[in-house]
Every structure is written in C-alpha cells, then in structure tokens.
PDB file of N, CA and C in Angstrom:
ATOM      1  N   MET A   1     -14.864 -18.849  32.769  1.00  0.00           N
ATOM      2  CA  MET A   1     -13.934 -18.531  31.708  1.00  0.00           C
ATOM      3  C   MET A   1     -14.371 -19.228  30.422  1.00  0.00           C
ATOM      4  N   ALA A   2     -14.276 -18.529  29.281  1.00  0.00           N
ATOM      5  CA  ALA A   2     -14.719 -19.103  28.010  1.00  0.00           C
ATOM      6  C   ALA A   2     -13.686 -20.109  27.503  1.00  0.00           C
ATOM      7  N   VAL A   3     -14.186 -21.269  27.108  1.00  0.00           N
ATOM      8  CA  VAL A   3     -13.324 -22.326  26.595  1.00  0.00           C
ATOM      9  C   VAL A   3     -13.929 -22.806  25.277  1.00  0.00           C
ATOM     10  N   PRO A   4     -13.115 -22.962  24.214  1.00  0.00           N
ATOM     11  CA  PRO A   4     -13.658 -23.452  22.943  1.00  0.00           C
ATOM     12  C   PRO A   4     -14.254 -24.859  23.108  1.00  0.00           C
ATOM     13  N   LYS A   5     -15.403 -25.062  22.512  1.00  0.00           N
ATOM     14  CA  LYS A   5     -16.067 -26.360  22.641  1.00  0.00           C
ATOM     15  C   LYS A   5     -15.403 -27.418  21.761  1.00  0.00           C
ATOM     16  N   ARG A   6     -14.952 -27.008  20.564  1.00  0.00           N
ATOM     17  CA  ARG A   6     -14.325 -27.939  19.628  1.00  0.00           C
ATOM     18  C   ARG A   6     -13.004 -27.359  19.138  1.00  0.00           C
ATOM     19  N   LYS A   7     -12.128 -28.249  18.659  1.00  0.00           N
ATOM     20  CA  LYS A   7     -10.856 -27.812  18.078  1.00  0.00           C
ATOM     21  C   LYS A   7     -11.125 -27.150  16.725  1.00  0.00           C
ATOM     22  N   THR A   8     -10.494 -26.016  16.500  1.00  0.00           N
ATOM     23  CA  THR A   8     -10.618 -25.346  15.197  1.00  0.00           C
ATOM     24  C   THR A   8      -9.772 -26.104  14.190  1.00  0.00           C
ATOM     25  N   THR A   9     -10.372 -26.477  13.082  1.00  0.00           N
ATOM     26  CA  THR A   9      -9.646 -27.237  12.074  1.00  0.00           C
ATOM     27  C   THR A   9      -8.648 -26.330  11.353  1.00  0.00           C
ATOM     28  N   PRO A  10      -7.574 -26.892  10.804  1.00  0.00           N
ATOM     29  CA  PRO A  10      -6.613 -26.082  10.058  1.00  0.00           C
ATOM     30  C   PRO A  10      -7.247 -25.350   8.881  1.00  0.00           C
ATOM     31  N   SER A  11      -8.262 -25.957   8.286  1.00  0.00           N
ATOM     32  CA  SER A  11      -8.937 -25.305   7.166  1.00  0.00           C
ATOM     33  C   SER A  11      -9.640 -24.028   7.615  1.00  0.00           C
ATOM     34  N   LYS A  12     -10.394 -24.125   8.702  1.00  0.00           N
ATOM     35  CA  LYS A  12     -11.098 -22.945   9.227  1.00  0.00           C
ATOM     36  C   LYS A  12     -10.112 -21.883   9.705  1.00  0.00           C
ATOM     37  N   ARG A  13      -9.045 -22.314  10.364  1.00  0.00           N
ATOM     38  CA  ARG A  13      -8.028 -21.383  10.848  1.00  0.00           C
ATOM     39  C   ARG A  13      -7.386 -20.623   9.681  1.00  0.00           C
ATOM     40  N   ASN A  14      -7.046 -21.353   8.613  1.00  0.00           N
ATOM     41  CA  ASN A  14      -6.399 -20.715   7.465  1.00  0.00           C
ATOM     42  C   ASN A  14      -7.360 -19.818   6.697  1.00  0.00           C
ATOM     43  N   MET A  15      -8.639 -20.184   6.652  1.00  0.00           N
ATOM     44  CA  MET A  15      -9.612 -19.312   5.997  1.00  0.00           C
ATOM     45  C   MET A  15      -9.773 -18.007   6.766  1.00  0.00           C
ATOM     46  N   ARG A  16      -9.725 -18.077   8.090  1.00  0.00           N
ATOM     47  CA  ARG A  16      -9.818 -16.878   8.908  1.00  0.00           C
ATOM     48  C   ARG A  16      -8.596 -15.978   8.691  1.00  0.00           C
ATOM     49  N   ARG A  17      -7.441 -16.567   8.516  1.00  0.00           N
ATOM     50  CA  ARG A  17      -6.195 -15.807   8.356  1.00  0.00           C
ATOM     51  C   ARG A  17      -5.954 -15.331   6.926  1.00  0.00           C
ATOM     52  N   SER A  18      -6.820 -15.680   6.003  1.00  0.00           N
ATOM     53  CA  SER A  18      -6.581 -15.345   4.600  1.00  0.00           C
ATOM     54  C   SER A  18      -6.557 -13.839   4.358  1.00  0.00           C
ATOM     55  N   HIS A  19      -7.244 -13.052   5.197  1.00  0.00           N
ATOM     56  CA  HIS A  19      -7.283 -11.609   5.015  1.00  0.00           C
ATOM     57  C   HIS A  19      -6.089 -10.917   5.653  1.00  0.00           C
ATOM     58  N   ASP A  20      -5.260 -11.650   6.370  1.00  0.00           N
ATOM     59  CA  ASP A  20      -4.112 -11.062   7.046  1.00  0.00           C
ATOM     60  C   ASP A  20      -2.881 -10.976   6.151  1.00  0.00           C
ATOM     61  N   ALA A  21      -2.946 -11.537   4.959  1.00  0.00           N
ATOM     62  CA  ALA A  21      -1.791 -11.538   4.066  1.00  0.00           C
ATOM     63  C   ALA A  21      -1.463 -10.117   3.619  1.00  0.00           C
ATOM     64  N   ILE A  22      -0.179  -9.860   3.437  1.00  0.00           N
ATOM     65  CA  ILE A  22       0.263  -8.540   2.979  1.00  0.00           C
ATOM     66  C   ILE A  22       0.103  -8.478   1.466  1.00  0.00           C
ATOM     67  N   GLY A  23      -0.636  -7.494   1.004  1.00  0.00           N
ATOM     68  CA  GLY A  23      -0.850  -7.345  -0.433  1.00  0.00           C
ATOM     69  C   GLY A  23       0.302  -6.612  -1.097  1.00  0.00           C
ATOM     70  N   SER A  24       0.326  -6.630  -2.403  1.00  0.00           N
ATOM     71  CA  SER A  24       1.378  -5.924  -3.129  1.00  0.00           C
ATOM     72  C   SER A  24       1.094  -4.424  -3.103  1.00  0.00           C
ATOM     73  N   THR A  25       2.151  -3.633  -3.123  1.00  0.00           N
ATOM     74  CA  THR A  25       1.991  -2.187  -3.064  1.00  0.00           C
ATOM     75  C   THR A  25       1.548  -1.660  -4.422  1.00  0.00           C
ATOM     76  N   ALA A  26       0.698  -0.652  -4.410  1.00  0.00           N
ATOM     77  CA  ALA A  26       0.148  -0.084  -5.631  1.00  0.00           C
ATOM     78  C   ALA A  26       1.021   1.070  -6.107  1.00  0.00           C
ATOM     79  N   TYR A  27       1.218   1.172  -7.380  1.00  0.00           N
ATOM     80  CA  TYR A  27       1.940   2.278  -7.995  1.00  0.00           C
ATOM     81  C   TYR A  27       1.099   2.821  -9.136  1.00  0.00           C
ATOM     82  N   VAL A  28       1.150   4.131  -9.339  1.00  0.00           N
ATOM     83  CA  VAL A  28       0.463   4.756 -10.456  1.00  0.00           C
ATOM     84  C   VAL A  28       1.484   5.531 -11.273  1.00  0.00           C
ATOM     85  N   GLU A  29       1.182   5.693 -12.550  1.00  0.00           N
ATOM     86  CA  GLU A  29       2.061   6.466 -13.423  1.00  0.00           C
ATOM     87  C   GLU A  29       1.715   7.943 -13.274  1.00  0.00           C
ATOM     88  N   ASP A  30       2.728   8.773 -13.016  1.00  0.00           N
ATOM     89  CA  ASP A  30       2.516  10.202 -12.849  1.00  0.00           C
ATOM     90  C   ASP A  30       2.138  10.817 -14.196  1.00  0.00           C
ATOM     91  N   LYS A  31       1.138  11.708 -14.179  1.00  0.00           N
ATOM     92  CA  LYS A  31       0.668  12.306 -15.431  1.00  0.00           C
ATOM     93  C   LYS A  31       1.725  13.180 -16.079  1.00  0.00           C
ATOM     94  N   ASP A  32       2.450  13.954 -15.270  1.00  0.00           N
ATOM     95  CA  ASP A  32       3.409  14.913 -15.822  1.00  0.00           C
ATOM     96  C   ASP A  32       4.735  14.261 -16.200  1.00  0.00           C
ATOM     97  N   SER A  33       5.346  13.541 -15.256  1.00  0.00           N
ATOM     98  CA  SER A  33       6.693  13.014 -15.496  1.00  0.00           C
ATOM     99  C   SER A  33       6.694  11.614 -16.086  1.00  0.00           C
ATOM    100  N   GLY A  34       5.612  10.860 -15.922  1.00  0.00           N
ATOM    101  CA  GLY A  34       5.574   9.495 -16.435  1.00  0.00           C
ATOM    102  C   GLY A  34       6.248   8.494 -15.502  1.00  0.00           C
ATOM    103  N   GLU A  35       6.763   8.963 -14.362  1.00  0.00           N
ATOM    104  CA  GLU A  35       7.418   8.085 -13.398  1.00  0.00           C
ATOM    105  C   GLU A  35       6.370   7.340 -12.571  1.00  0.00           C
ATOM    106  N   LEU A  36       6.757   6.184 -12.054  1.00  0.00           N
ATOM    107  CA  LEU A  36       5.878   5.454 -11.151  1.00  0.00           C
ATOM    108  C   LEU A  36       6.026   6.031  -9.752  1.00  0.00           C
ATOM    109  N   ARG A  37       4.902   6.214  -9.067  1.00  0.00           N
ATOM    110  CA  ARG A  37       4.911   6.724  -7.700  1.00  0.00           C
ATOM    111  C   ARG A  37       3.749   6.111  -6.950  1.00  0.00           C
ATOM    112  N   ARG A  38       3.815   6.182  -5.616  1.00  0.00           N
ATOM    113  CA  ARG A  38       2.729   5.681  -4.790  1.00  0.00           C
ATOM    114  C   ARG A  38       1.558   6.650  -4.857  1.00  0.00           C
ATOM    115  N   PRO A  39       0.309   6.155  -4.839  1.00  0.00           N
ATOM    116  CA  PRO A  39      -0.832   7.052  -4.823  1.00  0.00           C
ATOM    117  C   PRO A  39      -0.867   7.864  -3.533  1.00  0.00           C
ATOM    118  N   HIS A  40      -1.274   9.113  -3.606  1.00  0.00           N
ATOM    119  CA  HIS A  40      -1.400  10.024  -2.475  1.00  0.00           C
ATOM    120  C   HIS A  40      -0.057  10.334  -1.825  1.00  0.00           C
ATOM    121  N   HIS A  41       1.041  10.242  -2.594  1.00  0.00           N
ATOM    122  CA  HIS A  41       2.361  10.575  -2.101  1.00  0.00           C
ATOM    123  C   HIS A  41       2.972  11.636  -3.015  1.00  0.00           C
ATOM    124  N   VAL A  42       3.930  12.387  -2.485  1.00  0.00           N
ATOM    125  CA  VAL A  42       4.623  13.408  -3.261  1.00  0.00           C
ATOM    126  C   VAL A  42       5.559  12.726  -4.249  1.00  0.00           C
ATOM    127  N   ASP A  43       5.598  13.221  -5.492  1.00  0.00           N
ATOM    128  CA  ASP A  43       6.552  12.734  -6.486  1.00  0.00           C
ATOM    129  C   ASP A  43       7.909  13.327  -6.129  1.00  0.00           C
ATOM    130  N   LEU A  44       8.857  12.488  -5.728  1.00  0.00           N
ATOM    131  CA  LEU A  44      10.141  12.978  -5.238  1.00  0.00           C
ATOM    132  C   LEU A  44      11.017  13.561  -6.343  1.00  0.00           C
ATOM    133  N   LYS A  45      10.813  13.131  -7.593  1.00  0.00           N
ATOM    134  CA  LYS A  45      11.626  13.687  -8.684  1.00  0.00           C
ATOM    135  C   LYS A  45      11.240  15.127  -8.992  1.00  0.00           C
ATOM    136  N   SER A  46       9.944  15.388  -9.062  1.00  0.00           N
ATOM    137  CA  SER A  46       9.500  16.732  -9.421  1.00  0.00           C
ATOM    138  C   SER A  46       9.087  17.560  -8.194  1.00  0.00           C
ATOM    139  N   GLY A  47       8.785  16.901  -7.077  1.00  0.00           N
ATOM    140  CA  GLY A  47       8.351  17.612  -5.878  1.00  0.00           C
ATOM    141  C   GLY A  47       6.910  18.080  -5.937  1.00  0.00           C
ATOM    142  N   MET A  48       6.124  17.564  -6.882  1.00  0.00           N
ATOM    143  CA  MET A  48       4.739  17.991  -7.055  1.00  0.00           C
ATOM    144  C   MET A  48       3.795  17.036  -6.317  1.00  0.00           C
ATOM    145  N   TYR A  49       2.693  17.603  -5.809  1.00  0.00           N
ATOM    146  CA  TYR A  49       1.616  16.824  -5.221  1.00  0.00           C
ATOM    147  C   TYR A  49       0.304  17.518  -5.550  1.00  0.00           C
ATOM    148  N   ARG A  50      -0.573  16.825  -6.229  1.00  0.00           N
ATOM    149  CA  ARG A  50      -1.882  17.332  -6.646  1.00  0.00           C
ATOM    150  C   ARG A  50      -1.771  18.673  -7.373  1.00  0.00           C
ATOM    151  N   GLY A  51      -0.773  18.789  -8.253  1.00  0.00           N
ATOM    152  CA  GLY A  51      -0.630  19.982  -9.073  1.00  0.00           C
ATOM    153  C   GLY A  51       0.061  21.145  -8.395  1.00  0.00           C
ATOM    154  N   LYS A  52       0.549  20.964  -7.169  1.00  0.00           N
ATOM    155  CA  LYS A  52       1.228  22.035  -6.450  1.00  0.00           C
ATOM    156  C   LYS A  52       2.665  21.638  -6.158  1.00  0.00           C
ATOM    157  N   GLN A  53       3.554  22.632  -6.190  1.00  0.00           N
ATOM    158  CA  GLN A  53       4.964  22.392  -5.883  1.00  0.00           C
ATOM    159  C   GLN A  53       5.112  22.337  -4.354  1.00  0.00           C
ATOM    160  N   ILE A  54       5.458  21.169  -3.826  1.00  0.00           N
ATOM    161  CA  ILE A  54       5.581  20.975  -2.394  1.00  0.00           C
ATOM    162  C   ILE A  54       7.047  20.986  -1.962  1.00  0.00           C
ATOM    163  N   LEU A  55       7.879  20.262  -2.695  1.00  0.00           N
ATOM    164  CA  LEU A  55       9.302  20.124  -2.374  1.00  0.00           C
ATOM    165  C   LEU A  55      10.138  20.684  -3.517  1.00  0.00           C
ATOM    166  N   GLU A  56      11.392  20.970  -3.211  1.00  0.00           N
ATOM    167  CA  GLU A  56      12.331  21.344  -4.264  1.00  0.00           C
ATOM    168  C   GLU A  56      12.657  20.093  -5.073  1.00  0.00           C
ATOM    169  N   PRO A  57      12.715  20.202  -6.414  1.00  0.00           N
ATOM    170  CA  PRO A  57      13.042  19.003  -7.220  1.00  0.00           C
ATOM    171  C   PRO A  57      14.448  18.509  -6.923  1.00  0.00           C
ATOM    172  N   LYS A  58      14.617  17.195  -7.004  1.00  0.00           N
ATOM    173  CA  LYS A  58      15.927  16.580  -6.788  1.00  0.00           C
ATOM    174  C   LYS A  58      16.813  16.853  -7.996  1.00  0.00           C
ATOM    175  N   ASP A  59      18.086  17.085  -7.749  1.00  0.00           N
ATOM    176  CA  ASP A  59      19.046  17.227  -8.837  1.00  0.00           C
ATOM    177  C   ASP A  59      19.636  15.859  -9.155  1.00  0.00           C
ATOM    178  N   ASP A  60      19.666  15.490 -10.428  1.00  0.00           N
ATOM    179  CA  ASP A  60      20.237  14.181 -10.828  1.00  0.00           C
ATOM    180  C   ASP A  60      21.683  14.319 -11.202  1.00  0.00           C
TER     181      ASP A  60
END
C-alpha cells in the first residue's frame, strides 16, 4: 500500500488547492438590449440567442 514518505506542509497543500477556488461569474453586455447576461446563455428579457428568437419576450 502506498504511504506518503513525508508530511505535506501547509504551504504545499494550499498551493495545490489554489486552483480549486470558485471564480467570479462572467457577464457580458448584450449588443441589442444593453442588459448584462451570461455568455452563451439566452437573454431572458428579449428571448434572443445568437441573433435568433428562441423564447417569447418577458412582459414587464
């Protein structure tokens, strides 16, 4: 059975875990409406995705 030869230091452990942090979510400004939306997602206000009408627009 594999057993670690030395204790992993807290510094090495934390450096290994540095890539596991949750990053902030990205938002882009929509060209047509000017609203912020997630990239590669349907704009829920207008219902458009990549220049095509996908959903019915929401009524405010």
